[in-house]
Amino acid sequence: MNKLFVWTSLLVLLFLSSCAGRKNIVYLQDMQMGKNYPIDTKYEAVVHRDDRLSITVSCKNPELAIPFNIYGGTFKVGADGDVMADASTRINEKGYRVDVDGNIDFPILGKLHVEGMKVSEVTDMIKQKIEQGNYMKDPLVSIEFLNFKYTVLGAVGRNGTFSADGDRITLLEAIANAGDLAVNAQIDRVAVIREADGERQMFMHDLRSTDLFESPCFYLQQNDIVYVEPKYKKKDKEDRGWQIVTTVLSLVTAVCSVVWATR
């Protein structure tokens, strides 16, 4: 028993251990160089129950907009005449919560049903009601999500619920934020569970295919759940096999080290 054998055994052990967790994951394998893939530039998130919306109303006469901005702080008029919220005095916004019936209580206008509407549709509705009530002319309405969240579970680097800035995040971005796919992930079994019209639907995706671009879940909606299926049985067998190999090699190396040290 010589030193060469001991060091060779250690190197083999380290090599096999490092290879055990390797797995090449290639996204969008059928994407072709030079081919154009359409982008939904007009995509908008849809309002759901329990959403919190920041809604700001402004116009060229700031005093007219004050009653519509109970969460907006004070306002100032810019050099061009536009009215904007004064960031230096703006209080912490809680926003307008969409209740279980899909409504919000908006100042002056009262109860508004917004569930299932796109942001632009809610904006247009509020502007129209303000003009119809002769409260002001040409109001400017700005709406943002305050609690846009989604959940990623399964074979990813980090499970959890994540918040998004704004309301536009893709399925690939969500997986990247969760630490990418794990080595035991089924890249062709990525599900998105979505709530719509009081029901839950599941959409399955193959991340190797550009068909992903055509999915209604390519852009996530509020409260979507992304679930990446792991390779349960196959991975279990691989794990047991590698555990046996590495254990045997460890024992052999340990025995060789003891024998070599006592000679």
Protein backbone atom coordinates (compact mmCIF):
# COMPACT_ATOMS: atom_id res chain seq x y z
CA MET A 1 0.00 0.00 0.00
CA ASN A 2 1.72 3.26 -1.06
CA LYS A 3 1.01 6.95 -1.05
CA LEU A 4 0.12 6.97 -4.74
CA PHE A 5 -2.82 4.63 -4.17
CA VAL A 6 -4.11 6.71 -1.25
CA TRP A 7 -3.96 9.98 -3.14
CA THR A 8 -5.50 8.39 -6.24
CA SER A 9 -8.41 7.11 -4.14
CA LEU A 10 -8.97 10.57 -2.64
CA LEU A 11 -8.99 12.24 -6.06
CA VAL A 12 -11.46 9.68 -7.43
CA LEU A 13 -13.73 10.25 -4.43
CA LEU A 14 -13.70 14.01 -4.88
CA PHE A 15 -14.35 13.74 -8.62
CA LEU A 16 -17.31 11.39 -8.23
CA SER A 17 -18.79 13.47 -5.42
CA SER A 18 -18.61 16.63 -7.52
CA CYS A 19 -20.17 14.92 -10.53
CA ALA A 20 -23.05 13.51 -8.50
CA GLY A 21 -24.88 16.83 -8.32
CA ARG A 22 -24.21 18.06 -11.84
CA LYS A 23 -27.01 18.43 -14.33
CA ASN A 24 -27.11 20.51 -17.45
CA ILE A 25 -30.37 22.47 -17.77
CA VAL A 26 -30.95 24.16 -21.12
CA TYR A 27 -33.89 26.53 -21.41
CA LEU A 28 -35.69 27.23 -24.69
CA GLN A 29 -33.75 24.59 -26.61
CA ASP A 30 -35.72 25.09 -29.82
CA MET A 31 -35.17 28.85 -29.97
CA GLN A 32 -33.52 29.66 -33.30
CA MET A 33 -30.87 32.28 -33.97
CA GLY A 34 -32.18 35.17 -36.05
CA LYS A 35 -35.86 34.19 -35.74
CA ASN A 36 -38.21 36.78 -34.29
CA TYR A 37 -40.54 35.87 -31.45
CA PRO A 38 -43.46 38.25 -30.77
CA ILE A 39 -43.66 40.12 -27.47
CA ASP A 40 -46.90 41.15 -25.80
CA THR A 41 -46.00 44.81 -25.27
CA LYS A 42 -49.56 45.64 -24.15
CA TYR A 43 -49.70 43.07 -21.38
CA GLU A 44 -51.44 44.28 -18.21
CA ALA A 45 -52.05 42.62 -14.88
CA VAL A 46 -55.63 41.91 -13.82
CA VAL A 47 -57.02 43.10 -10.50
CA HIS A 48 -57.95 40.37 -8.00
CA ARG A 49 -59.53 40.22 -4.58
CA ASP A 50 -57.19 41.23 -1.72
CA ASP A 51 -55.05 43.33 -4.06
CA ARG A 52 -53.97 46.70 -2.72
CA LEU A 53 -53.95 49.49 -5.26
CA SER A 54 -52.27 52.86 -5.10
CA ILE A 55 -54.57 55.28 -6.91
CA THR A 56 -53.56 58.91 -7.44
CA VAL A 57 -55.75 61.54 -9.08
CA SER A 58 -54.35 64.84 -10.27
CA CYS A 59 -55.22 67.74 -12.54
CA LYS A 60 -54.14 71.30 -13.32
CA ASN A 61 -56.18 72.59 -10.39
CA PRO A 62 -54.61 70.72 -7.45
CA GLU A 63 -57.29 71.76 -4.96
CA LEU A 64 -59.88 69.85 -6.99
CA ALA A 65 -57.90 66.61 -6.74
CA ILE A 66 -57.37 66.70 -2.97
CA PRO A 67 -60.66 64.93 -2.04
CA PHE A 68 -59.72 62.00 -4.29
CA ASN A 69 -56.33 61.43 -2.65
CA ILE A 70 -56.85 60.45 0.97
CA TYR A 71 -53.58 58.46 0.85
CA GLY A 72 -51.64 60.82 -1.36
CA GLY A 73 -50.23 63.53 0.96
CA THR A 74 -49.82 66.98 -0.63
CA PHE A 75 -49.34 68.00 -4.24
CA LYS A 76 -47.32 70.53 -6.18
CA VAL A 77 -47.61 72.08 -9.62
CA GLY A 78 -44.68 71.63 -11.98
CA ALA A 79 -43.25 74.24 -14.36
CA ASP A 80 -45.32 72.77 -17.18
CA GLY A 81 -48.53 73.02 -15.18
CA ASP A 82 -48.81 69.32 -14.36
CA VAL A 83 -49.79 68.37 -10.85
CA MET A 84 -47.80 65.67 -9.03
CA ALA A 85 -47.53 64.19 -5.57
CA ASP A 86 -44.97 65.88 -3.34
CA ALA A 87 -42.59 63.05 -2.33
CA SER A 88 -41.24 65.05 0.62
CA THR A 89 -44.61 65.13 2.37
CA ARG A 90 -46.16 61.95 1.08
CA ILE A 91 -47.31 59.60 3.84
CA ASN A 92 -46.96 55.85 3.87
CA GLU A 93 -49.60 54.47 1.56
CA LYS A 94 -51.83 51.60 2.52
CA GLY A 95 -53.72 51.78 -0.73
CA TYR A 96 -57.21 50.66 -1.59
CA ARG A 97 -57.89 47.04 -0.74
CA VAL A 98 -60.09 45.05 -3.12
CA ASP A 99 -62.66 43.33 -0.89
CA VAL A 100 -64.14 39.83 -1.18
CA ASP A 101 -66.77 41.12 -3.59
CA GLY A 102 -64.16 42.69 -5.85
CA ASN A 103 -64.92 46.29 -4.86
CA ILE A 104 -62.97 49.26 -3.54
CA ASP A 105 -64.32 52.25 -1.62
CA PHE A 106 -63.05 55.29 -3.46
CA PRO A 107 -63.43 58.86 -2.19
CA ILE A 108 -66.38 60.80 -3.59
CA LEU A 109 -67.17 58.09 -6.17
CA GLY A 110 -68.09 55.46 -3.58
CA LYS A 111 -67.97 51.70 -4.20
CA LEU A 112 -66.34 50.64 -7.47
CA HIS A 113 -66.20 47.08 -8.82
CA VAL A 114 -62.68 46.48 -10.13
CA GLU A 115 -62.07 42.73 -9.85
CA GLY A 116 -61.24 41.12 -13.19
CA MET A 117 -60.40 44.46 -14.81
CA LYS A 118 -57.06 45.49 -16.25
CA VAL A 119 -55.25 48.48 -14.80
CA SER A 120 -56.04 50.62 -17.86
CA GLU A 121 -59.72 49.68 -17.58
CA VAL A 122 -59.86 50.75 -13.94
CA THR A 123 -58.05 53.98 -14.85
CA ASP A 124 -60.54 54.76 -17.62
CA MET A 125 -63.51 53.98 -15.37
CA ILE A 126 -62.36 56.36 -12.62
CA LYS A 127 -61.58 59.13 -15.11
CA GLN A 128 -64.99 58.71 -16.73
CA LYS A 129 -66.87 58.85 -13.41
CA ILE A 130 -64.96 61.96 -12.32
CA GLU A 131 -65.78 63.73 -15.58
CA GLN A 132 -69.41 62.59 -15.54
CA GLY A 133 -69.78 64.00 -12.03
CA ASN A 134 -68.33 67.34 -13.19
CA TYR A 135 -65.72 67.20 -10.41
CA MET A 136 -62.90 68.21 -12.76
CA LYS A 137 -61.91 68.21 -16.42
CA ASP A 138 -59.17 66.04 -17.91
CA PRO A 139 -58.19 64.25 -14.67
CA LEU A 140 -54.98 62.24 -14.59
CA VAL A 141 -55.31 58.88 -12.85
CA SER A 142 -52.31 56.72 -11.92
CA ILE A 143 -52.68 53.17 -10.54
CA GLU A 144 -50.01 50.82 -9.19
CA PHE A 145 -50.06 47.49 -7.33
CA LEU A 146 -48.75 47.68 -3.77
CA ASN A 147 -48.72 43.95 -2.99
CA PHE A 148 -48.03 42.05 -6.22
CA LYS A 149 -46.91 38.63 -4.92
CA TYR A 150 -46.33 35.15 -6.28
CA THR A 151 -45.16 31.84 -4.79
CA VAL A 152 -42.55 29.39 -6.11
CA LEU A 153 -42.45 25.83 -4.76
CA GLY A 154 -40.87 22.48 -5.60
CA ALA A 155 -37.48 21.73 -7.13
CA VAL A 156 -35.97 25.23 -7.05
CA GLY A 157 -33.12 26.78 -5.11
CA ARG A 158 -35.35 28.60 -2.63
CA ASN A 159 -39.05 28.05 -1.97
CA GLY A 160 -41.14 30.99 -0.82
CA THR A 161 -43.42 33.89 -1.61
CA PHE A 162 -41.86 36.79 -3.50
CA SER A 163 -42.87 40.38 -4.20
CA ALA A 164 -42.52 42.03 -7.57
CA ASP A 165 -41.84 45.65 -8.37
CA GLY A 166 -44.76 46.76 -10.47
CA ASP A 167 -47.01 44.18 -12.08
CA ARG A 168 -44.94 42.66 -14.89
CA ILE A 169 -42.81 39.57 -14.18
CA THR A 170 -42.26 36.52 -16.37
CA LEU A 171 -42.25 32.87 -15.36
CA LEU A 172 -38.52 32.65 -16.11
CA GLU A 173 -37.80 35.68 -13.95
CA ALA A 174 -39.81 34.16 -11.10
CA ILE A 175 -37.77 30.94 -11.26
CA ALA A 176 -34.52 32.91 -11.40
CA ASN A 177 -35.57 34.89 -8.31
CA ALA A 178 -36.18 31.58 -6.53
CA GLY A 179 -32.60 30.43 -7.13
CA ASP A 180 -33.12 28.69 -10.50
CA LEU A 181 -34.12 25.05 -11.00
CA ALA A 182 -32.66 22.41 -8.70
CA VAL A 183 -30.69 19.45 -10.09
CA ASN A 184 -33.71 17.18 -9.60
CA ALA A 185 -36.18 19.47 -11.40
CA GLN A 186 -38.32 18.24 -14.27
CA ILE A 187 -37.81 21.05 -16.73
CA ASP A 188 -40.83 19.89 -18.76
CA ARG A 189 -43.15 19.80 -15.73
CA VAL A 190 -43.39 23.39 -14.48
CA ALA A 191 -46.92 24.23 -13.39
CA VAL A 192 -48.59 27.57 -12.76
CA ILE A 193 -51.69 27.46 -10.57
CA ARG A 194 -53.91 30.49 -11.10
CA GLU A 195 -57.13 31.75 -9.54
CA ALA A 196 -59.69 33.17 -11.95
CA ASP A 197 -63.44 33.71 -11.65
CA GLY A 198 -63.63 31.88 -8.33
CA GLU A 199 -61.83 28.79 -9.64
CA ARG A 200 -58.28 27.46 -9.79
CA GLN A 201 -56.62 26.38 -13.01
CA MET A 202 -53.29 24.68 -13.60
CA PHE A 203 -51.16 25.33 -16.68
CA MET A 204 -48.21 23.04 -17.42
CA HIS A 205 -45.06 24.27 -19.14
CA ASP A 206 -41.95 22.83 -20.78
CA LEU A 207 -39.16 25.33 -20.26
CA ARG A 208 -37.19 23.74 -23.11
CA SER A 209 -39.74 24.92 -25.65
CA THR A 210 -40.47 28.37 -27.08
CA ASP A 211 -44.16 27.48 -26.70
CA LEU A 212 -43.63 29.09 -23.32
CA PHE A 213 -43.87 32.49 -25.01
CA GLU A 214 -47.45 31.72 -26.05
CA SER A 215 -48.59 30.64 -22.60
CA PRO A 216 -51.14 32.80 -20.74
CA CYS A 217 -48.82 32.34 -17.76
CA PHE A 218 -45.64 33.64 -19.38
CA TYR A 219 -46.41 36.82 -17.48
CA LEU A 220 -47.47 35.94 -13.96
CA GLN A 221 -50.60 37.29 -12.33
CA GLN A 222 -51.08 38.32 -8.72
CA ASN A 223 -51.01 35.33 -6.30
CA ASP A 224 -49.93 32.79 -8.95
CA ILE A 225 -48.29 29.63 -7.60
CA VAL A 226 -45.37 28.21 -9.59
CA TYR A 227 -44.65 24.55 -8.85
CA VAL A 228 -41.63 22.77 -10.33
CA GLU A 229 -42.06 19.00 -10.16
CA PRO A 230 -39.03 17.08 -8.85
CA LYS A 231 -37.90 13.72 -10.23
CA TYR A 232 -39.06 11.78 -7.21
CA LYS A 233 -38.36 8.11 -8.00
CA LYS A 234 -35.50 8.65 -10.40
CA LYS A 235 -33.74 11.05 -8.11
CA ASP A 236 -34.16 8.75 -5.10
CA LYS A 237 -32.42 5.92 -6.96
CA GLU A 238 -29.62 8.23 -8.07
CA ASP A 239 -29.15 9.49 -4.54
CA ARG A 240 -28.97 5.98 -3.07
CA GLY A 241 -26.51 4.88 -5.74
CA TRP A 242 -24.19 7.81 -5.21
CA GLN A 243 -24.46 7.49 -1.43
CA ILE A 244 -23.35 3.86 -1.65
CA VAL A 245 -20.46 4.68 -3.99
CA THR A 246 -19.20 7.61 -1.93
CA THR A 247 -19.59 5.67 1.33
CA VAL A 248 -17.59 2.71 0.01
CA LEU A 249 -14.88 4.97 -1.37
CA SER A 250 -14.71 6.84 1.94
CA LEU A 251 -14.27 3.59 3.85
CA VAL A 252 -11.62 2.35 1.43
CA THR A 253 -9.76 5.64 1.67
CA ALA A 254 -9.95 5.64 5.45
CA VAL A 255 -8.66 2.05 5.66
CA CYS A 256 -5.84 2.80 3.24
CA SER A 257 -4.86 5.88 5.24
CA VAL A 258 -4.74 3.89 8.49
CA VAL A 259 -2.72 1.09 6.88
CA TRP A 260 -0.32 3.54 5.29
CA ALA A 261 0.11 5.49 8.53
CA THR A 262 0.90 2.35 10.59
CA ARG A 263 3.49 0.97 8.18
